[in-house]
Amino acid sequence: MGQIRLFKPEDMEQLLDLQELIALELSIKFKKATARQTITDMYESEQSVMIVAEENGKLVGSIGALVLPSTTDSEVLIAKELGWYVLPSHRKGVGMQLFKALERLLTPLRCEYYVSVPKGAKALARIFEGLGYKETETIYKKEL
């Protein structure tokens, strides 16, 4: 079993590789410079959390969230997922470890809610429901 820990700047290149895999798997555009800047901004912000899973010196997964006030009540903080990915070879357990570590880090930040929009996988729905989450909406996307 590997280690779950906070992202460090020296993880950048490996995390960018994971981000590129996410983009390929989800069939979305990927620009390395944009991803690098987003990760840097998250690392430098007190309003975000980035966690990685490492095994034998190699990143095998990551999860990140941005903490923002609700649009309906500025005193309510909501953590919005910015990415959650685990290499296919490590999907038995590592994803759950990342997710639980994220929840533990969000609690002291006074987050009342966590919002995720996973791409319609039934396995992910079972994970979320098993952790007490409820489906509240579906996202539709169209490239313009």
C-alpha atoms as a PDB file:
ATOM      1  CA  MET A   1       0.000   0.000   0.000  1.00  0.00           C
ATOM      2  CA  GLY A   2       1.290   3.455  -0.864  1.00  0.00           C
ATOM      3  CA  GLN A   3       1.089   6.820   0.808  1.00  0.00           C
ATOM      4  CA  ILE A   4      -1.712   9.405   0.698  1.00  0.00           C
ATOM      5  CA  ARG A   5      -0.363  12.909   1.228  1.00  0.00           C
ATOM      6  CA  LEU A   6      -0.649  16.555   0.270  1.00  0.00           C
ATOM      7  CA  PHE A   7       0.659  17.617  -3.124  1.00  0.00           C
ATOM      8  CA  LYS A   8       4.187  19.068  -3.168  1.00  0.00           C
ATOM      9  CA  PRO A   9       5.670  21.214  -5.977  1.00  0.00           C
ATOM     10  CA  GLU A  10       8.113  18.433  -6.850  1.00  0.00           C
ATOM     11  CA  ASP A  11       5.077  16.284  -7.791  1.00  0.00           C
ATOM     12  CA  MET A  12       4.172  18.655 -10.634  1.00  0.00           C
ATOM     13  CA  GLU A  13       5.396  16.671 -13.644  1.00  0.00           C
ATOM     14  CA  GLN A  14       3.861  13.403 -12.457  1.00  0.00           C
ATOM     15  CA  LEU A  15       0.602  15.155 -11.611  1.00  0.00           C
ATOM     16  CA  LEU A  16       0.507  16.719 -15.067  1.00  0.00           C
ATOM     17  CA  ASP A  17       0.901  13.222 -16.526  1.00  0.00           C
ATOM     18  CA  LEU A  18      -2.105  12.083 -14.463  1.00  0.00           C
ATOM     19  CA  GLN A  19      -4.088  15.137 -15.578  1.00  0.00           C
ATOM     20  CA  GLU A  20      -3.371  14.280 -19.198  1.00  0.00           C
ATOM     21  CA  LEU A  21      -4.659  10.736 -18.615  1.00  0.00           C
ATOM     22  CA  ILE A  22      -7.856  12.185 -17.115  1.00  0.00           C
ATOM     23  CA  ALA A  23      -8.348  14.323 -20.212  1.00  0.00           C
ATOM     24  CA  LEU A  24      -7.813  11.345 -22.519  1.00  0.00           C
ATOM     25  CA  GLU A  25     -10.188   9.136 -20.540  1.00  0.00           C
ATOM     26  CA  LEU A  26     -12.901  11.821 -20.481  1.00  0.00           C
ATOM     27  CA  SER A  27     -12.269  12.959 -24.075  1.00  0.00           C
ATOM     28  CA  ILE A  28     -11.649  16.548 -23.037  1.00  0.00           C
ATOM     29  CA  LYS A  29      -9.042  19.039 -24.226  1.00  0.00           C
ATOM     30  CA  PHE A  30      -5.750  19.223 -22.337  1.00  0.00           C
ATOM     31  CA  LYS A  31      -3.217  22.032 -22.345  1.00  0.00           C
ATOM     32  CA  LYS A  32      -0.228  21.324 -20.142  1.00  0.00           C
ATOM     33  CA  ALA A  33       0.495  25.021 -19.490  1.00  0.00           C
ATOM     34  CA  THR A  34      -3.071  25.604 -18.300  1.00  0.00           C
ATOM     35  CA  ALA A  35      -3.020  22.524 -16.084  1.00  0.00           C
ATOM     36  CA  ARG A  36       0.349  23.581 -14.628  1.00  0.00           C
ATOM     37  CA  GLN A  37      -0.985  27.046 -13.795  1.00  0.00           C
ATOM     38  CA  THR A  38      -4.182  25.651 -12.252  1.00  0.00           C
ATOM     39  CA  ILE A  39      -2.233  23.222 -10.065  1.00  0.00           C
ATOM     40  CA  THR A  40       0.183  26.000  -9.029  1.00  0.00           C
ATOM     41  CA  ASP A  41      -2.736  28.286  -8.160  1.00  0.00           C
ATOM     42  CA  MET A  42      -4.358  25.521  -6.116  1.00  0.00           C
ATOM     43  CA  TYR A  43      -1.135  24.808  -4.255  1.00  0.00           C
ATOM     44  CA  GLU A  44      -0.680  28.487  -3.398  1.00  0.00           C
ATOM     45  CA  SER A  45      -4.303  29.058  -2.360  1.00  0.00           C
ATOM     46  CA  GLU A  46      -5.724  28.555   1.106  1.00  0.00           C
ATOM     47  CA  GLN A  47      -9.049  27.864  -0.605  1.00  0.00           C
ATOM     48  CA  SER A  48      -8.043  24.601  -2.189  1.00  0.00           C
ATOM     49  CA  VAL A  49      -6.770  21.157  -1.300  1.00  0.00           C
ATOM     50  CA  MET A  50      -4.746  18.822  -3.530  1.00  0.00           C
ATOM     51  CA  ILE A  51      -3.913  15.301  -2.374  1.00  0.00           C
ATOM     52  CA  VAL A  52      -1.893  12.634  -4.150  1.00  0.00           C
ATOM     53  CA  ALA A  53      -1.487   8.879  -3.810  1.00  0.00           C
ATOM     54  CA  GLU A  54       2.070   7.676  -4.196  1.00  0.00           C
ATOM     55  CA  GLU A  55       3.430   4.161  -4.527  1.00  0.00           C
ATOM     56  CA  ASN A  56       7.147   3.394  -4.846  1.00  0.00           C
ATOM     57  CA  GLY A  57       7.883   7.048  -5.687  1.00  0.00           C
ATOM     58  CA  LYS A  58       5.262   7.187  -8.459  1.00  0.00           C
ATOM     59  CA  LEU A  59       1.984   9.116  -8.311  1.00  0.00           C
ATOM     60  CA  VAL A  60      -0.903   6.734  -8.929  1.00  0.00           C
ATOM     61  CA  GLY A  61      -3.804   9.060  -8.133  1.00  0.00           C
ATOM     62  CA  SER A  62      -4.906  12.515  -7.086  1.00  0.00           C
ATOM     63  CA  ILE A  63      -7.910  14.451  -5.881  1.00  0.00           C
ATOM     64  CA  GLY A  64      -8.402  18.176  -5.595  1.00  0.00           C
ATOM     65  CA  ALA A  65     -11.118  20.537  -4.457  1.00  0.00           C
ATOM     66  CA  LEU A  66     -11.723  24.271  -4.363  1.00  0.00           C
ATOM     67  CA  VAL A  67     -13.491  25.754  -1.337  1.00  0.00           C
ATOM     68  CA  LEU A  68     -15.919  28.575  -2.127  1.00  0.00           C
ATOM     69  CA  PRO A  69     -18.855  30.283  -0.458  1.00  0.00           C
ATOM     70  CA  SER A  70     -22.287  29.169  -1.582  1.00  0.00           C
ATOM     71  CA  THR A  71     -23.993  31.433  -4.105  1.00  0.00           C
ATOM     72  CA  THR A  72     -27.075  31.432  -1.861  1.00  0.00           C
ATOM     73  CA  ASP A  73     -25.418  31.979   1.548  1.00  0.00           C
ATOM     74  CA  SER A  74     -21.884  33.373   1.766  1.00  0.00           C
ATOM     75  CA  GLU A  75     -21.422  31.846   5.240  1.00  0.00           C
ATOM     76  CA  VAL A  76     -21.852  28.325   3.845  1.00  0.00           C
ATOM     77  CA  LEU A  77     -18.653  26.899   2.378  1.00  0.00           C
ATOM     78  CA  ILE A  78     -18.811  24.323  -0.389  1.00  0.00           C
ATOM     79  CA  ALA A  79     -15.906  22.226  -1.634  1.00  0.00           C
ATOM     80  CA  LYS A  80     -16.130  21.645  -5.378  1.00  0.00           C
ATOM     81  CA  GLU A  81     -14.177  18.805  -6.894  1.00  0.00           C
ATOM     82  CA  LEU A  82     -11.629  19.870  -9.478  1.00  0.00           C
ATOM     83  CA  GLY A  83     -10.414  16.407 -10.273  1.00  0.00           C
ATOM     84  CA  TRP A  84     -10.249  12.883  -8.936  1.00  0.00           C
ATOM     85  CA  TYR A  85      -8.262  10.284 -10.815  1.00  0.00           C
ATOM     86  CA  VAL A  86      -6.591   6.983 -10.046  1.00  0.00           C
ATOM     87  CA  LEU A  87      -4.618   4.901 -12.506  1.00  0.00           C
ATOM     88  CA  PRO A  88      -6.702   1.903 -13.629  1.00  0.00           C
ATOM     89  CA  SER A  89      -4.144  -0.474 -12.095  1.00  0.00           C
ATOM     90  CA  HIS A  90      -4.765   1.076  -8.647  1.00  0.00           C
ATOM     91  CA  ARG A  91      -8.527   1.587  -8.607  1.00  0.00           C
ATOM     92  CA  LYS A  92      -9.243  -0.975  -5.905  1.00  0.00           C
ATOM     93  CA  GLY A  93      -9.004   1.095  -2.726  1.00  0.00           C
ATOM     94  CA  VAL A  94      -6.747   4.036  -3.614  1.00  0.00           C
ATOM     95  CA  GLY A  95      -9.624   6.201  -4.830  1.00  0.00           C
ATOM     96  CA  MET A  96     -11.512   5.686  -1.588  1.00  0.00           C
ATOM     97  CA  GLN A  97      -8.385   6.498   0.450  1.00  0.00           C
ATOM     98  CA  LEU A  98      -7.942   9.737  -1.488  1.00  0.00           C
ATOM     99  CA  PHE A  99     -11.573  10.655  -1.048  1.00  0.00           C
ATOM    100  CA  LYS A 100     -11.617  10.012   2.704  1.00  0.00           C
ATOM    101  CA  ALA A 101      -8.369  11.973   3.144  1.00  0.00           C
ATOM    102  CA  LEU A 102      -9.955  14.882   1.277  1.00  0.00           C
ATOM    103  CA  GLU A 103     -13.044  14.794   3.498  1.00  0.00           C
ATOM    104  CA  ARG A 104     -10.813  14.836   6.610  1.00  0.00           C
ATOM    105  CA  LEU A 105      -8.953  17.908   5.315  1.00  0.00           C
ATOM    106  CA  LEU A 106     -12.122  19.757   4.316  1.00  0.00           C
ATOM    107  CA  THR A 107     -13.799  19.438   7.711  1.00  0.00           C
ATOM    108  CA  PRO A 108     -11.420  21.826   9.561  1.00  0.00           C
ATOM    109  CA  LEU A 109     -11.890  24.311   6.701  1.00  0.00           C
ATOM    110  CA  ARG A 110     -15.575  24.522   7.788  1.00  0.00           C
ATOM    111  CA  CYS A 111     -16.893  23.045   4.526  1.00  0.00           C
ATOM    112  CA  GLU A 112     -20.514  22.074   4.892  1.00  0.00           C
ATOM    113  CA  TYR A 113     -20.883  20.377   1.525  1.00  0.00           C
ATOM    114  CA  TYR A 114     -18.774  18.577  -1.045  1.00  0.00           C
ATOM    115  CA  VAL A 115     -19.897  18.648  -4.672  1.00  0.00           C
ATOM    116  CA  SER A 116     -18.649  16.264  -7.346  1.00  0.00           C
ATOM    117  CA  VAL A 117     -19.744  15.784 -10.929  1.00  0.00           C
ATOM    118  CA  PRO A 118     -18.377  12.378 -11.940  1.00  0.00           C
ATOM    119  CA  LYS A 119     -18.792  11.258 -15.511  1.00  0.00           C
ATOM    120  CA  GLY A 120     -21.832   8.942 -15.419  1.00  0.00           C
ATOM    121  CA  ALA A 121     -20.128   5.863 -14.035  1.00  0.00           C
ATOM    122  CA  LYS A 122     -22.397   3.611 -11.988  1.00  0.00           C
ATOM    123  CA  ALA A 123     -19.411   2.413  -9.935  1.00  0.00           C
ATOM    124  CA  LEU A 124     -18.727   5.986  -8.813  1.00  0.00           C
ATOM    125  CA  ALA A 125     -22.385   6.473  -7.948  1.00  0.00           C
ATOM    126  CA  ARG A 126     -22.213   3.421  -5.685  1.00  0.00           C
ATOM    127  CA  ILE A 127     -19.101   4.810  -3.980  1.00  0.00           C
ATOM    128  CA  PHE A 128     -20.718   8.182  -3.329  1.00  0.00           C
ATOM    129  CA  GLU A 129     -23.988   6.683  -2.142  1.00  0.00           C
ATOM    130  CA  GLY A 130     -22.074   4.297   0.136  1.00  0.00           C
ATOM    131  CA  LEU A 131     -20.444   7.332   1.759  1.00  0.00           C
ATOM    132  CA  GLY A 132     -23.809   8.992   2.380  1.00  0.00           C
ATOM    133  CA  TYR A 133     -23.921  11.317  -0.647  1.00  0.00           C
ATOM    134  CA  LYS A 134     -27.106  11.892  -2.614  1.00  0.00           C
ATOM    135  CA  GLU A 135     -27.424  12.617  -6.312  1.00  0.00           C
ATOM    136  CA  THR A 136     -28.765  16.134  -6.756  1.00  0.00           C
ATOM    137  CA  GLU A 137     -28.275  16.960 -10.416  1.00  0.00           C
ATOM    138  CA  THR A 138     -26.961  15.799 -13.761  1.00  0.00           C
ATOM    139  CA  ILE A 139     -24.626  17.878 -15.885  1.00  0.00           C
ATOM    140  CA  TYR A 140     -25.029  18.182 -19.643  1.00  0.00           C
ATOM    141  CA  LYS A 141     -22.192  19.370 -21.866  1.00  0.00           C
ATOM    142  CA  LYS A 142     -21.887  20.491 -25.460  1.00  0.00           C
ATOM    143  CA  GLU A 143     -18.784  21.729 -27.198  1.00  0.00           C
ATOM    144  CA  LEU A 144     -19.419  25.121 -28.773  1.00  0.00           C
END
